[in-house]
Amino acid sequence: HGSKHLMPEKGLSSQQCNTTVEMATANGVNVYHYLTYLLEKLPDDSMSDNELDQLAPWNEKVKAEIERRAENSNQ
């Protein structure tokens, strides 16, 4: 699946960062809260494709979590 971009081998390149931001935006996910979420989960190369897919911005659970965080930050 297309989630391997979430897993930098030697740091996050600007291209990987731009792709992550673009994917979050395209999926209607708050970019700030999504990036914070990813930093908390710290994806790495030991994660399976399925585990990485669970962090993708098109995952409905991720979308719900990011929406919850965005709503809570607006209170």
PDB file of N, CA and C in Angstrom:
ATOM      1  N   HIS A   1       0.846  -1.185   0.000  1.00  0.00           N
ATOM      2  CA  HIS A   1       0.000   0.000   0.000  1.00  0.00           C
ATOM      3  C   HIS A   1       0.876   1.227   0.000  1.00  0.00           C
ATOM      4  N   GLY A   2       0.326   2.417  -0.113  1.00  0.00           N
ATOM      5  CA  GLY A   2       1.094   3.635  -0.238  1.00  0.00           C
ATOM      6  C   GLY A   2       1.553   4.250   1.067  1.00  0.00           C
ATOM      7  N   SER A   3       1.628   3.495   2.128  1.00  0.00           N
ATOM      8  CA  SER A   3       1.950   4.070   3.437  1.00  0.00           C
ATOM      9  C   SER A   3       3.435   4.096   3.744  1.00  0.00           C
ATOM     10  N   LYS A   4       4.267   3.470   2.948  1.00  0.00           N
ATOM     11  CA  LYS A   4       5.692   3.388   3.265  1.00  0.00           C
ATOM     12  C   LYS A   4       6.343   4.762   3.352  1.00  0.00           C
ATOM     13  N   HIS A   5       5.729   5.804   2.754  1.00  0.00           N
ATOM     14  CA  HIS A   5       6.300   7.145   2.859  1.00  0.00           C
ATOM     15  C   HIS A   5       6.296   7.637   4.300  1.00  0.00           C
ATOM     16  N   LEU A   6       5.510   7.026   5.170  1.00  0.00           N
ATOM     17  CA  LEU A   6       5.437   7.431   6.569  1.00  0.00           C
ATOM     18  C   LEU A   6       6.659   6.974   7.352  1.00  0.00           C
ATOM     19  N   MET A   7       7.529   6.201   6.719  1.00  0.00           N
ATOM     20  CA  MET A   7       8.595   5.519   7.424  1.00  0.00           C
ATOM     21  C   MET A   7       9.950   5.902   6.836  1.00  0.00           C
ATOM     22  N   PRO A   8      10.497   7.015   7.262  1.00  0.00           N
ATOM     23  CA  PRO A   8      11.793   7.427   6.718  1.00  0.00           C
ATOM     24  C   PRO A   8      12.925   6.537   7.199  1.00  0.00           C
ATOM     25  N   GLU A   9      13.861   6.224   6.289  1.00  0.00           N
ATOM     26  CA  GLU A   9      15.011   5.407   6.665  1.00  0.00           C
ATOM     27  C   GLU A   9      16.038   6.223   7.434  1.00  0.00           C
ATOM     28  N   LYS A  10      16.324   7.423   6.964  1.00  0.00           N
ATOM     29  CA  LYS A  10      17.362   8.246   7.603  1.00  0.00           C
ATOM     30  C   LYS A  10      16.851   9.667   7.784  1.00  0.00           C
ATOM     31  N   GLY A  11      15.757   9.803   8.462  1.00  0.00           N
ATOM     32  CA  GLY A  11      15.188  11.129   8.674  1.00  0.00           C
ATOM     33  C   GLY A  11      14.122  11.438   7.637  1.00  0.00           C
ATOM     34  N   LEU A  12      13.363  12.443   7.914  1.00  0.00           N
ATOM     35  CA  LEU A  12      12.251  12.818   7.052  1.00  0.00           C
ATOM     36  C   LEU A  12      12.727  13.854   6.047  1.00  0.00           C
ATOM     37  N   SER A  13      12.656  13.516   4.760  1.00  0.00           N
ATOM     38  CA  SER A  13      13.044  14.467   3.729  1.00  0.00           C
ATOM     39  C   SER A  13      11.918  15.472   3.523  1.00  0.00           C
ATOM     40  N   SER A  14      12.237  16.591   2.911  1.00  0.00           N
ATOM     41  CA  SER A  14      11.197  17.590   2.652  1.00  0.00           C
ATOM     42  C   SER A  14      10.151  17.030   1.699  1.00  0.00           C
ATOM     43  N   GLN A  15      10.563  16.167   0.763  1.00  0.00           N
ATOM     44  CA  GLN A  15       9.604  15.550  -0.155  1.00  0.00           C
ATOM     45  C   GLN A  15       8.641  14.644   0.616  1.00  0.00           C
ATOM     46  N   GLN A  16       9.145  13.855   1.548  1.00  0.00           N
ATOM     47  CA  GLN A  16       8.281  12.990   2.352  1.00  0.00           C
ATOM     48  C   GLN A  16       7.329  13.826   3.196  1.00  0.00           C
ATOM     49  N   CYS A  17       7.836  14.912   3.752  1.00  0.00           N
ATOM     50  CA  CYS A  17       7.007  15.794   4.569  1.00  0.00           C
ATOM     51  C   CYS A  17       5.914  16.421   3.709  1.00  0.00           C
ATOM     52  N   ASN A  18       6.271  16.915   2.526  1.00  0.00           N
ATOM     53  CA  ASN A  18       5.281  17.503   1.622  1.00  0.00           C
ATOM     54  C   ASN A  18       4.233  16.482   1.222  1.00  0.00           C
ATOM     55  N   THR A  19       4.647  15.259   0.928  1.00  0.00           N
ATOM     56  CA  THR A  19       3.711  14.203   0.556  1.00  0.00           C
ATOM     57  C   THR A  19       2.760  13.905   1.702  1.00  0.00           C
ATOM     58  N   THR A  20       3.273  13.829   2.905  1.00  0.00           N
ATOM     59  CA  THR A  20       2.436  13.557   4.074  1.00  0.00           C
ATOM     60  C   THR A  20       1.420  14.675   4.269  1.00  0.00           C
ATOM     61  N   VAL A  21       1.865  15.918   4.143  1.00  0.00           N
ATOM     62  CA  VAL A  21       0.963  17.066   4.278  1.00  0.00           C
ATOM     63  C   VAL A  21      -0.091  17.044   3.173  1.00  0.00           C
ATOM     64  N   GLU A  22       0.328  16.787   1.934  1.00  0.00           N
ATOM     65  CA  GLU A  22      -0.616  16.734   0.811  1.00  0.00           C
ATOM     66  C   GLU A  22      -1.643  15.625   0.999  1.00  0.00           C
ATOM     67  N   MET A  23      -1.205  14.469   1.480  1.00  0.00           N
ATOM     68  CA  MET A  23      -2.137  13.356   1.689  1.00  0.00           C
ATOM     69  C   MET A  23      -3.129  13.675   2.801  1.00  0.00           C
ATOM     70  N   ALA A  24      -2.665  14.313   3.862  1.00  0.00           N
ATOM     71  CA  ALA A  24      -3.568  14.706   4.945  1.00  0.00           C
ATOM     72  C   ALA A  24      -4.599  15.699   4.417  1.00  0.00           C
ATOM     73  N   THR A  25      -4.137  16.687   3.674  1.00  0.00           N
ATOM     74  CA  THR A  25      -5.031  17.698   3.116  1.00  0.00           C
ATOM     75  C   THR A  25      -6.041  17.065   2.162  1.00  0.00           C
ATOM     76  N   ALA A  26      -5.578  16.194   1.286  1.00  0.00           N
ATOM     77  CA  ALA A  26      -6.461  15.540   0.314  1.00  0.00           C
ATOM     78  C   ALA A  26      -7.525  14.681   0.986  1.00  0.00           C
ATOM     79  N   ASN A  27      -7.219  14.194   2.181  1.00  0.00           N
ATOM     80  CA  ASN A  27      -8.172  13.349   2.907  1.00  0.00           C
ATOM     81  C   ASN A  27      -8.977  14.135   3.939  1.00  0.00           C
ATOM     82  N   GLY A  28      -8.882  15.461   3.890  1.00  0.00           N
ATOM     83  CA  GLY A  28      -9.666  16.312   4.771  1.00  0.00           C
ATOM     84  C   GLY A  28      -9.264  16.239   6.227  1.00  0.00           C
ATOM     85  N   VAL A  29      -7.990  15.934   6.471  1.00  0.00           N
ATOM     86  CA  VAL A  29      -7.489  15.776   7.836  1.00  0.00           C
ATOM     87  C   VAL A  29      -6.713  17.039   8.228  1.00  0.00           C
ATOM     88  N   ASN A  30      -6.915  17.516   9.444  1.00  0.00           N
ATOM     89  CA  ASN A  30      -6.187  18.665   9.968  1.00  0.00           C
ATOM     90  C   ASN A  30      -4.695  18.325   9.992  1.00  0.00           C
ATOM     91  N   VAL A  31      -3.912  19.066   9.228  1.00  0.00           N
ATOM     92  CA  VAL A  31      -2.491  18.748   9.049  1.00  0.00           C
ATOM     93  C   VAL A  31      -1.721  18.828  10.366  1.00  0.00           C
ATOM     94  N   TYR A  32      -1.918  19.879  11.132  1.00  0.00           N
ATOM     95  CA  TYR A  32      -1.199  20.031  12.402  1.00  0.00           C
ATOM     96  C   TYR A  32      -1.453  18.836  13.318  1.00  0.00           C
ATOM     97  N   HIS A  33      -2.713  18.492  13.502  1.00  0.00           N
ATOM     98  CA  HIS A  33      -3.046  17.403  14.418  1.00  0.00           C
ATOM     99  C   HIS A  33      -2.609  16.045  13.855  1.00  0.00           C
ATOM    100  N   TYR A  34      -2.625  15.900  12.530  1.00  0.00           N
ATOM    101  CA  TYR A  34      -2.160  14.645  11.935  1.00  0.00           C
ATOM    102  C   TYR A  34      -0.652  14.480  12.137  1.00  0.00           C
ATOM    103  N   LEU A  35       0.112  15.533  11.907  1.00  0.00           N
ATOM    104  CA  LEU A  35       1.564  15.438  12.102  1.00  0.00           C
ATOM    105  C   LEU A  35       1.901  15.175  13.563  1.00  0.00           C
ATOM    106  N   THR A  36       1.167  15.809  14.473  1.00  0.00           N
ATOM    107  CA  THR A  36       1.362  15.547  15.900  1.00  0.00           C
ATOM    108  C   THR A  36       1.071  14.088  16.212  1.00  0.00           C
ATOM    109  N   TYR A  37      -0.011  13.576  15.645  1.00  0.00           N
ATOM    110  CA  TYR A  37      -0.404  12.173  15.828  1.00  0.00           C
ATOM    111  C   TYR A  37       0.708  11.244  15.335  1.00  0.00           C
ATOM    112  N   LEU A  38       1.243  11.518  14.146  1.00  0.00           N
ATOM    113  CA  LEU A  38       2.324  10.682  13.603  1.00  0.00           C
ATOM    114  C   LEU A  38       3.564  10.721  14.496  1.00  0.00           C
ATOM    115  N   LEU A  39       3.911  11.901  14.990  1.00  0.00           N
ATOM    116  CA  LEU A  39       5.080  12.007  15.861  1.00  0.00           C
ATOM    117  C   LEU A  39       4.890  11.218  17.151  1.00  0.00           C
ATOM    118  N   GLU A  40       3.659  11.163  17.638  1.00  0.00           N
ATOM    119  CA  GLU A  40       3.380  10.364  18.838  1.00  0.00           C
ATOM    120  C   GLU A  40       3.524   8.873  18.561  1.00  0.00           C
ATOM    121  N   LYS A  41       3.149   8.446  17.361  1.00  0.00           N
ATOM    122  CA  LYS A  41       3.185   7.021  17.004  1.00  0.00           C
ATOM    123  C   LYS A  41       4.561   6.591  16.516  1.00  0.00           C
ATOM    124  N   LEU A  42       5.362   7.532  16.035  1.00  0.00           N
ATOM    125  CA  LEU A  42       6.718   7.274  15.545  1.00  0.00           C
ATOM    126  C   LEU A  42       6.832   6.029  14.660  1.00  0.00           C
ATOM    127  N   PRO A  43       6.242   6.086  13.451  1.00  0.00           N
ATOM    128  CA  PRO A  43       6.360   4.945  12.544  1.00  0.00           C
ATOM    129  C   PRO A  43       7.820   4.677  12.190  1.00  0.00           C
ATOM    130  N   ASP A  44       8.161   3.392  12.054  1.00  0.00           N
ATOM    131  CA  ASP A  44       9.531   3.037  11.687  1.00  0.00           C
ATOM    132  C   ASP A  44       9.528   1.821  10.771  1.00  0.00           C
ATOM    133  N   ASP A  45      10.716   1.431  10.331  1.00  0.00           N
ATOM    134  CA  ASP A  45      10.816   0.363   9.338  1.00  0.00           C
ATOM    135  C   ASP A  45      10.526  -1.024   9.894  1.00  0.00           C
ATOM    136  N   SER A  46      10.310  -1.144  11.200  1.00  0.00           N
ATOM    137  CA  SER A  46       9.945  -2.454  11.749  1.00  0.00           C
ATOM    138  C   SER A  46       8.437  -2.689  11.689  1.00  0.00           C
ATOM    139  N   MET A  47       7.686  -1.667  11.303  1.00  0.00           N
ATOM    140  CA  MET A  47       6.229  -1.788  11.241  1.00  0.00           C
ATOM    141  C   MET A  47       5.818  -2.475   9.940  1.00  0.00           C
ATOM    142  N   SER A  48       4.790  -3.302  10.038  1.00  0.00           N
ATOM    143  CA  SER A  48       4.264  -3.981   8.855  1.00  0.00           C
ATOM    144  C   SER A  48       3.451  -2.993   8.018  1.00  0.00           C
ATOM    145  N   ASP A  49       3.162  -3.374   6.775  1.00  0.00           N
ATOM    146  CA  ASP A  49       2.312  -2.542   5.919  1.00  0.00           C
ATOM    147  C   ASP A  49       0.967  -2.290   6.587  1.00  0.00           C
ATOM    148  N   ASN A  50       0.413  -3.316   7.231  1.00  0.00           N
ATOM    149  CA  ASN A  50      -0.874  -3.169   7.903  1.00  0.00           C
ATOM    150  C   ASN A  50      -0.785  -2.150   9.041  1.00  0.00           C
ATOM    151  N   GLU A  51       0.291  -2.208   9.818  1.00  0.00           N
ATOM    152  CA  GLU A  51       0.470  -1.243  10.911  1.00  0.00           C
ATOM    153  C   GLU A  51       0.608   0.180  10.368  1.00  0.00           C
ATOM    154  N   LEU A  52       1.336   0.327   9.268  1.00  0.00           N
ATOM    155  CA  LEU A  52       1.483   1.645   8.655  1.00  0.00           C
ATOM    156  C   LEU A  52       0.153   2.146   8.103  1.00  0.00           C
ATOM    157  N   ASP A  53      -0.626   1.245   7.512  1.00  0.00           N
ATOM    158  CA  ASP A  53      -1.943   1.635   6.994  1.00  0.00           C
ATOM    159  C   ASP A  53      -2.846   2.144   8.108  1.00  0.00           C
ATOM    160  N   GLN A  54      -2.633   1.648   9.325  1.00  0.00           N
ATOM    161  CA  GLN A  54      -3.436   2.098  10.465  1.00  0.00           C
ATOM    162  C   GLN A  54      -3.118   3.549  10.844  1.00  0.00           C
ATOM    163  N   LEU A  55      -2.028   4.102  10.327  1.00  0.00           N
ATOM    164  CA  LEU A  55      -1.638   5.486  10.596  1.00  0.00           C
ATOM    165  C   LEU A  55      -1.951   6.426   9.434  1.00  0.00           C
ATOM    166  N   ALA A  56      -2.424   5.885   8.322  1.00  0.00           N
ATOM    167  CA  ALA A  56      -2.650   6.668   7.112  1.00  0.00           C
ATOM    168  C   ALA A  56      -3.824   7.633   7.272  1.00  0.00           C
ATOM    169  N   PRO A  57      -3.760   8.794   6.628  1.00  0.00           N
ATOM    170  CA  PRO A  57      -4.814   9.795   6.791  1.00  0.00           C
ATOM    171  C   PRO A  57      -6.157   9.385   6.198  1.00  0.00           C
ATOM    172  N   TRP A  58      -6.195   8.341   5.385  1.00  0.00           N
ATOM    173  CA  TRP A  58      -7.471   7.860   4.846  1.00  0.00           C
ATOM    174  C   TRP A  58      -8.122   6.818   5.758  1.00  0.00           C
ATOM    175  N   ASN A  59      -7.423   6.400   6.797  1.00  0.00           N
ATOM    176  CA  ASN A  59      -7.975   5.445   7.756  1.00  0.00           C
ATOM    177  C   ASN A  59      -9.065   6.148   8.571  1.00  0.00           C
ATOM    178  N   GLU A  60     -10.252   5.546   8.617  1.00  0.00           N
ATOM    179  CA  GLU A  60     -11.391   6.191   9.283  1.00  0.00           C
ATOM    180  C   GLU A  60     -11.143   6.422  10.775  1.00  0.00           C
ATOM    181  N   LYS A  61     -10.434   5.518  11.438  1.00  0.00           N
ATOM    182  CA  LYS A  61     -10.129   5.707  12.863  1.00  0.00           C
ATOM    183  C   LYS A  61      -9.193   6.900  13.059  1.00  0.00           C
ATOM    184  N   VAL A  62      -8.230   7.040  12.164  1.00  0.00           N
ATOM    185  CA  VAL A  62      -7.307   8.176  12.234  1.00  0.00           C
ATOM    186  C   VAL A  62      -8.079   9.469  11.997  1.00  0.00           C
ATOM    187  N   LYS A  63      -8.934   9.470  10.965  1.00  0.00           N
ATOM    188  CA  LYS A  63      -9.730  10.665  10.676  1.00  0.00           C
ATOM    189  C   LYS A  63     -10.557  11.080  11.891  1.00  0.00           C
ATOM    190  N   ALA A  64     -11.191  10.111  12.539  1.00  0.00           N
ATOM    191  CA  ALA A  64     -12.018  10.402  13.712  1.00  0.00           C
ATOM    192  C   ALA A  64     -11.168  10.955  14.855  1.00  0.00           C
ATOM    193  N   GLU A  65      -9.995  10.378  15.068  1.00  0.00           N
ATOM    194  CA  GLU A  65      -9.104  10.845  16.140  1.00  0.00           C
ATOM    195  C   GLU A  65      -8.627  12.268  15.868  1.00  0.00           C
ATOM    196  N   ILE A  66      -8.249  12.553  14.637  1.00  0.00           N
ATOM    197  CA  ILE A  66      -7.760  13.887  14.300  1.00  0.00           C
ATOM    198  C   ILE A  66      -8.889  14.906  14.414  1.00  0.00           C
ATOM    199  N   GLU A  67     -10.085  14.530  13.989  1.00  0.00           N
ATOM    200  CA  GLU A  67     -11.240  15.424  14.120  1.00  0.00           C
ATOM    201  C   GLU A  67     -11.511  15.726  15.600  1.00  0.00           C
ATOM    202  N   ARG A  68     -11.423  14.698  16.450  1.00  0.00           N
ATOM    203  CA  ARG A  68     -11.630  14.880  17.885  1.00  0.00           C
ATOM    204  C   ARG A  68     -10.591  15.846  18.456  1.00  0.00           C
ATOM    205  N   ARG A  69      -9.337  15.663  18.065  1.00  0.00           N
ATOM    206  CA  ARG A  69      -8.271  16.541  18.559  1.00  0.00           C
ATOM    207  C   ARG A  69      -8.485  17.980  18.103  1.00  0.00           C
ATOM    208  N   ALA A  70      -8.874  18.143  16.845  1.00  0.00           N
ATOM    209  CA  ALA A  70      -9.103  19.490  16.312  1.00  0.00           C
ATOM    210  C   ALA A  70     -10.259  20.167  17.044  1.00  0.00           C
ATOM    211  N   GLU A  71     -11.328  19.422  17.292  1.00  0.00           N
ATOM    212  CA  GLU A  71     -12.475  19.982  18.015  1.00  0.00           C
ATOM    213  C   GLU A  71     -12.083  20.355  19.436  1.00  0.00           C
ATOM    214  N   ASN A  72     -11.331  19.497  20.109  1.00  0.00           N
ATOM    215  CA  ASN A  72     -10.902  19.771  21.488  1.00  0.00           C
ATOM    216  C   ASN A  72      -9.985  20.989  21.566  1.00  0.00           C
ATOM    217  N   SER A  73      -9.189  21.207  20.541  1.00  0.00           N
ATOM    218  CA  SER A  73      -8.265  22.344  20.564  1.00  0.00           C
ATOM    219  C   SER A  73      -8.990  23.664  20.320  1.00  0.00           C
ATOM    220  N   ASN A  74     -10.204  23.596  19.785  1.00  0.00           N
ATOM    221  CA  ASN A  74     -10.983  24.807  19.514  1.00  0.00           C
ATOM    222  C   ASN A  74     -11.853  25.220  20.686  1.00  0.00           C
ATOM    223  N   GLN A  75     -11.815  24.486  21.782  1.00  0.00           N
ATOM    224  CA  GLN A  75     -12.666  24.807  22.934  1.00  0.00           C
ATOM    225  C   GLN A  75     -12.018  25.814  23.838  1.00  0.00           C
TER     226      GLN A  75
END
